[in-house]
Amino acid sequence: MTLVAPAGMRESDETDWAVVIAVALVAEIGLLWGFACVALVRRRLALRRALSDG
């Protein structure tokens, strides 16, 4: 399976679906980990501020 129509394609221009899915999964997992880390840092900072204020 390819990502482009076979009419204007040469054999060397093929991109496997497995490669595309792998890249998408790696990017998605990276973004999710990044957001989770940012949320964790924000919670820790908020906890420190709450403890130091009161």
PDB file of N, CA and C in Angstrom:
ATOM      1  N   MET A   1       0.839  -1.187   0.000  1.00  0.00           N
ATOM      2  CA  MET A   1       0.000   0.000   0.000  1.00  0.00           C
ATOM      3  C   MET A   1       0.876   1.240   0.000  1.00  0.00           C
ATOM      4  N   THR A   2       0.426   2.250  -0.685  1.00  0.00           N
ATOM      5  CA  THR A   2       1.184   3.490  -0.746  1.00  0.00           C
ATOM      6  C   THR A   2       0.297   4.656  -0.356  1.00  0.00           C
ATOM      7  N   LEU A   3       0.928   5.805  -0.163  1.00  0.00           N
ATOM      8  CA  LEU A   3       0.197   7.006   0.217  1.00  0.00           C
ATOM      9  C   LEU A   3      -0.208   7.852  -0.977  1.00  0.00           C
ATOM     10  N   VAL A   4       0.322   7.560  -2.143  1.00  0.00           N
ATOM     11  CA  VAL A   4       0.011   8.352  -3.329  1.00  0.00           C
ATOM     12  C   VAL A   4      -0.659   7.472  -4.365  1.00  0.00           C
ATOM     13  N   ALA A   5      -1.327   8.132  -5.302  1.00  0.00           N
ATOM     14  CA  ALA A   5      -1.988   7.390  -6.373  1.00  0.00           C
ATOM     15  C   ALA A   5      -0.939   6.722  -7.248  1.00  0.00           C
ATOM     16  N   PRO A   6      -1.172   5.500  -7.688  1.00  0.00           N
ATOM     17  CA  PRO A   6      -0.167   4.777  -8.464  1.00  0.00           C
ATOM     18  C   PRO A   6       0.046   5.331  -9.870  1.00  0.00           C
ATOM     19  N   ALA A   7      -0.799   6.229 -10.353  1.00  0.00           N
ATOM     20  CA  ALA A   7      -0.678   6.718 -11.729  1.00  0.00           C
ATOM     21  C   ALA A   7       0.623   7.491 -11.951  1.00  0.00           C
ATOM     22  N   GLY A   8       1.001   8.357 -11.015  1.00  0.00           N
ATOM     23  CA  GLY A   8       2.193   9.173 -11.215  1.00  0.00           C
ATOM     24  C   GLY A   8       3.328   8.773 -10.310  1.00  0.00           C
ATOM     25  N   MET A   9       3.475   7.494 -10.078  1.00  0.00           N
ATOM     26  CA  MET A   9       4.442   7.044  -9.095  1.00  0.00           C
ATOM     27  C   MET A   9       5.440   6.068  -9.708  1.00  0.00           C
ATOM     28  N   ARG A  10       6.673   6.207  -9.296  1.00  0.00           N
ATOM     29  CA  ARG A  10       7.682   5.211  -9.636  1.00  0.00           C
ATOM     30  C   ARG A  10       7.857   4.294  -8.438  1.00  0.00           C
ATOM     31  N   GLU A  11       8.485   3.171  -8.644  1.00  0.00           N
ATOM     32  CA  GLU A  11       8.682   2.202  -7.562  1.00  0.00           C
ATOM     33  C   GLU A  11       9.515   2.786  -6.415  1.00  0.00           C
ATOM     34  N   SER A  12      10.461   3.656  -6.723  1.00  0.00           N
ATOM     35  CA  SER A  12      11.330   4.198  -5.679  1.00  0.00           C
ATOM     36  C   SER A  12      10.632   5.262  -4.839  1.00  0.00           C
ATOM     37  N   ASP A  13       9.463   5.729  -5.263  1.00  0.00           N
ATOM     38  CA  ASP A  13       8.749   6.777  -4.539  1.00  0.00           C
ATOM     39  C   ASP A  13       7.778   6.236  -3.494  1.00  0.00           C
ATOM     40  N   GLU A  14       7.731   4.940  -3.323  1.00  0.00           N
ATOM     41  CA  GLU A  14       6.769   4.362  -2.390  1.00  0.00           C
ATOM     42  C   GLU A  14       7.147   4.649  -0.942  1.00  0.00           C
ATOM     43  N   THR A  15       6.136   4.896  -0.136  1.00  0.00           N
ATOM     44  CA  THR A  15       6.315   5.022   1.306  1.00  0.00           C
ATOM     45  C   THR A  15       5.403   4.000   1.959  1.00  0.00           C
ATOM     46  N   ASP A  16       5.985   3.101   2.720  1.00  0.00           N
ATOM     47  CA  ASP A  16       5.192   2.062   3.358  1.00  0.00           C
ATOM     48  C   ASP A  16       4.305   2.646   4.456  1.00  0.00           C
ATOM     49  N   TRP A  17       3.139   2.062   4.599  1.00  0.00           N
ATOM     50  CA  TRP A  17       2.231   2.484   5.663  1.00  0.00           C
ATOM     51  C   TRP A  17       2.848   2.244   7.027  1.00  0.00           C
ATOM     52  N   ALA A  18       3.630   1.200   7.164  1.00  0.00           N
ATOM     53  CA  ALA A  18       4.249   0.907   8.458  1.00  0.00           C
ATOM     54  C   ALA A  18       5.173   2.040   8.895  1.00  0.00           C
ATOM     55  N   VAL A  19       5.898   2.618   7.952  1.00  0.00           N
ATOM     56  CA  VAL A  19       6.802   3.728   8.279  1.00  0.00           C
ATOM     57  C   VAL A  19       5.997   4.944   8.703  1.00  0.00           C
ATOM     58  N   VAL A  20       4.934   5.239   7.978  1.00  0.00           N
ATOM     59  CA  VAL A  20       4.104   6.402   8.295  1.00  0.00           C
ATOM     60  C   VAL A  20       3.454   6.225   9.665  1.00  0.00           C
ATOM     61  N   ILE A  21       2.930   5.046   9.935  1.00  0.00           N
ATOM     62  CA  ILE A  21       2.294   4.790  11.224  1.00  0.00           C
ATOM     63  C   ILE A  21       3.320   4.856  12.348  1.00  0.00           C
ATOM     64  N   ALA A  22       4.510   4.333  12.125  1.00  0.00           N
ATOM     65  CA  ALA A  22       5.555   4.379  13.149  1.00  0.00           C
ATOM     66  C   ALA A  22       5.949   5.816  13.470  1.00  0.00           C
ATOM     67  N   VAL A  23       6.111   6.633  12.453  1.00  0.00           N
ATOM     68  CA  VAL A  23       6.467   8.038  12.676  1.00  0.00           C
ATOM     69  C   VAL A  23       5.350   8.749  13.432  1.00  0.00           C
ATOM     70  N   ALA A  24       4.109   8.501  13.054  1.00  0.00           N
ATOM     71  CA  ALA A  24       2.974   9.129  13.731  1.00  0.00           C
ATOM     72  C   ALA A  24       2.892   8.692  15.191  1.00  0.00           C
ATOM     73  N   LEU A  25       3.117   7.411  15.452  1.00  0.00           N
ATOM     74  CA  LEU A  25       3.067   6.920  16.831  1.00  0.00           C
ATOM     75  C   LEU A  25       4.184   7.520  17.684  1.00  0.00           C
ATOM     76  N   VAL A  26       5.377   7.591  17.136  1.00  0.00           N
ATOM     77  CA  VAL A  26       6.493   8.171  17.884  1.00  0.00           C
ATOM     78  C   VAL A  26       6.219   9.641  18.187  1.00  0.00           C
ATOM     79  N   ALA A  27       5.696  10.369  17.211  1.00  0.00           N
ATOM     80  CA  ALA A  27       5.384  11.780  17.426  1.00  0.00           C
ATOM     81  C   ALA A  27       4.287  11.948  18.473  1.00  0.00           C
ATOM     82  N   GLU A  28       3.263  11.127  18.395  1.00  0.00           N
ATOM     83  CA  GLU A  28       2.163  11.226  19.352  1.00  0.00           C
ATOM     84  C   GLU A  28       2.621  10.890  20.766  1.00  0.00           C
ATOM     85  N   ILE A  29       3.397   9.835  20.909  1.00  0.00           N
ATOM     86  CA  ILE A  29       3.896   9.459  22.235  1.00  0.00           C
ATOM     87  C   ILE A  29       4.808  10.553  22.790  1.00  0.00           C
ATOM     88  N   GLY A  30       5.636  11.118  21.925  1.00  0.00           N
ATOM     89  CA  GLY A  30       6.504  12.213  22.367  1.00  0.00           C
ATOM     90  C   GLY A  30       5.716  13.417  22.841  1.00  0.00           C
ATOM     91  N   LEU A  31       4.668  13.776  22.111  1.00  0.00           N
ATOM     92  CA  LEU A  31       3.838  14.907  22.523  1.00  0.00           C
ATOM     93  C   LEU A  31       3.115  14.619  23.834  1.00  0.00           C
ATOM     94  N   LEU A  32       2.592  13.420  23.971  1.00  0.00           N
ATOM     95  CA  LEU A  32       1.893  13.076  25.212  1.00  0.00           C
ATOM     96  C   LEU A  32       2.835  13.114  26.413  1.00  0.00           C
ATOM     97  N   TRP A  33       4.039  12.586  26.263  1.00  0.00           N
ATOM     98  CA  TRP A  33       5.016  12.637  27.347  1.00  0.00           C
ATOM     99  C   TRP A  33       5.402  14.082  27.657  1.00  0.00           C
ATOM    100  N   GLY A  34       5.560  14.880  26.629  1.00  0.00           N
ATOM    101  CA  GLY A  34       5.900  16.287  26.839  1.00  0.00           C
ATOM    102  C   GLY A  34       4.833  17.022  27.626  1.00  0.00           C
ATOM    103  N   PHE A  35       3.573  16.834  27.238  1.00  0.00           N
ATOM    104  CA  PHE A  35       2.477  17.484  27.960  1.00  0.00           C
ATOM    105  C   PHE A  35       2.370  16.969  29.392  1.00  0.00           C
ATOM    106  N   ALA A  36       2.583  15.673  29.587  1.00  0.00           N
ATOM    107  CA  ALA A  36       2.528  15.108  30.936  1.00  0.00           C
ATOM    108  C   ALA A  36       3.633  15.693  31.812  1.00  0.00           C
ATOM    109  N   CYS A  37       4.815  15.850  31.264  1.00  0.00           N
ATOM    110  CA  CYS A  37       5.925  16.419  32.032  1.00  0.00           C
ATOM    111  C   CYS A  37       5.670  17.881  32.382  1.00  0.00           C
ATOM    112  N   VAL A  38       5.137  18.636  31.440  1.00  0.00           N
ATOM    113  CA  VAL A  38       4.815  20.043  31.707  1.00  0.00           C
ATOM    114  C   VAL A  38       3.750  20.140  32.792  1.00  0.00           C
ATOM    115  N   ALA A  39       2.727  19.294  32.724  1.00  0.00           N
ATOM    116  CA  ALA A  39       1.678  19.308  33.743  1.00  0.00           C
ATOM    117  C   ALA A  39       2.242  18.948  35.112  1.00  0.00           C
ATOM    118  N   LEU A  40       3.142  17.978  35.163  1.00  0.00           N
ATOM    119  CA  LEU A  40       3.748  17.582  36.433  1.00  0.00           C
ATOM    120  C   LEU A  40       4.585  18.711  37.022  1.00  0.00           C
ATOM    121  N   VAL A  41       5.353  19.392  36.202  1.00  0.00           N
ATOM    122  CA  VAL A  41       6.167  20.509  36.686  1.00  0.00           C
ATOM    123  C   VAL A  41       5.270  21.629  37.202  1.00  0.00           C
ATOM    124  N   ARG A  42       4.186  21.911  36.490  1.00  0.00           N
ATOM    125  CA  ARG A  42       3.270  22.963  36.942  1.00  0.00           C
ATOM    126  C   ARG A  42       2.633  22.606  38.281  1.00  0.00           C
ATOM    127  N   ARG A  43       2.269  21.341  38.464  1.00  0.00           N
ATOM    128  CA  ARG A  43       1.676  20.923  39.742  1.00  0.00           C
ATOM    129  C   ARG A  43       2.683  21.031  40.881  1.00  0.00           C
ATOM    130  N   ARG A  44       3.911  20.651  40.614  1.00  0.00           N
ATOM    131  CA  ARG A  44       4.941  20.747  41.657  1.00  0.00           C
ATOM    132  C   ARG A  44       5.192  22.201  42.040  1.00  0.00           C
ATOM    133  N   LEU A  45       5.237  23.079  41.045  1.00  0.00           N
ATOM    134  CA  LEU A  45       5.436  24.499  41.343  1.00  0.00           C
ATOM    135  C   LEU A  45       4.261  25.063  42.133  1.00  0.00           C
ATOM    136  N   ALA A  46       3.046  24.685  41.773  1.00  0.00           N
ATOM    137  CA  ALA A  46       1.869  25.157  42.497  1.00  0.00           C
ATOM    138  C   ALA A  46       1.876  24.643  43.936  1.00  0.00           C
ATOM    139  N   LEU A  47       2.299  23.403  44.135  1.00  0.00           N
ATOM    140  CA  LEU A  47       2.369  22.846  45.486  1.00  0.00           C
ATOM    141  C   LEU A  47       3.411  23.580  46.322  1.00  0.00           C
ATOM    142  N   ARG A  48       4.557  23.862  45.733  1.00  0.00           N
ATOM    143  CA  ARG A  48       5.597  24.599  46.468  1.00  0.00           C
ATOM    144  C   ARG A  48       5.113  25.989  46.854  1.00  0.00           C
ATOM    145  N   ARG A  49       4.423  26.659  45.922  1.00  0.00           N
ATOM    146  CA  ARG A  49       3.901  27.999  46.226  1.00  0.00           C
ATOM    147  C   ARG A  49       2.865  27.931  47.339  1.00  0.00           C
ATOM    148  N   ALA A  50       1.997  26.927  47.296  1.00  0.00           N
ATOM    149  CA  ALA A  50       0.962  26.799  48.322  1.00  0.00           C
ATOM    150  C   ALA A  50       1.580  26.519  49.690  1.00  0.00           C
ATOM    151  N   LEU A  51       2.611  25.692  49.725  1.00  0.00           N
ATOM    152  CA  LEU A  51       3.254  25.384  50.999  1.00  0.00           C
ATOM    153  C   LEU A  51       4.051  26.567  51.538  1.00  0.00           C
ATOM    154  N   SER A  52       4.658  27.338  50.665  1.00  0.00           N
ATOM    155  CA  SER A  52       5.455  28.476  51.126  1.00  0.00           C
ATOM    156  C   SER A  52       4.575  29.657  51.537  1.00  0.00           C
ATOM    157  N   ASP A  53       3.374  29.754  50.991  1.00  0.00           N
ATOM    158  CA  ASP A  53       2.471  30.854  51.346  1.00  0.00           C
ATOM    159  C   ASP A  53       1.751  30.604  52.667  1.00  0.00           C
ATOM    160  N   GLY A  54       1.525  29.373  52.988  1.00  0.00           N
ATOM    161  CA  GLY A  54       0.659  29.178  54.129  1.00  0.00           C
ATOM    162  C   GLY A  54       1.160  28.308  55.165  1.00  0.00           C
TER     163      GLY A  54
END
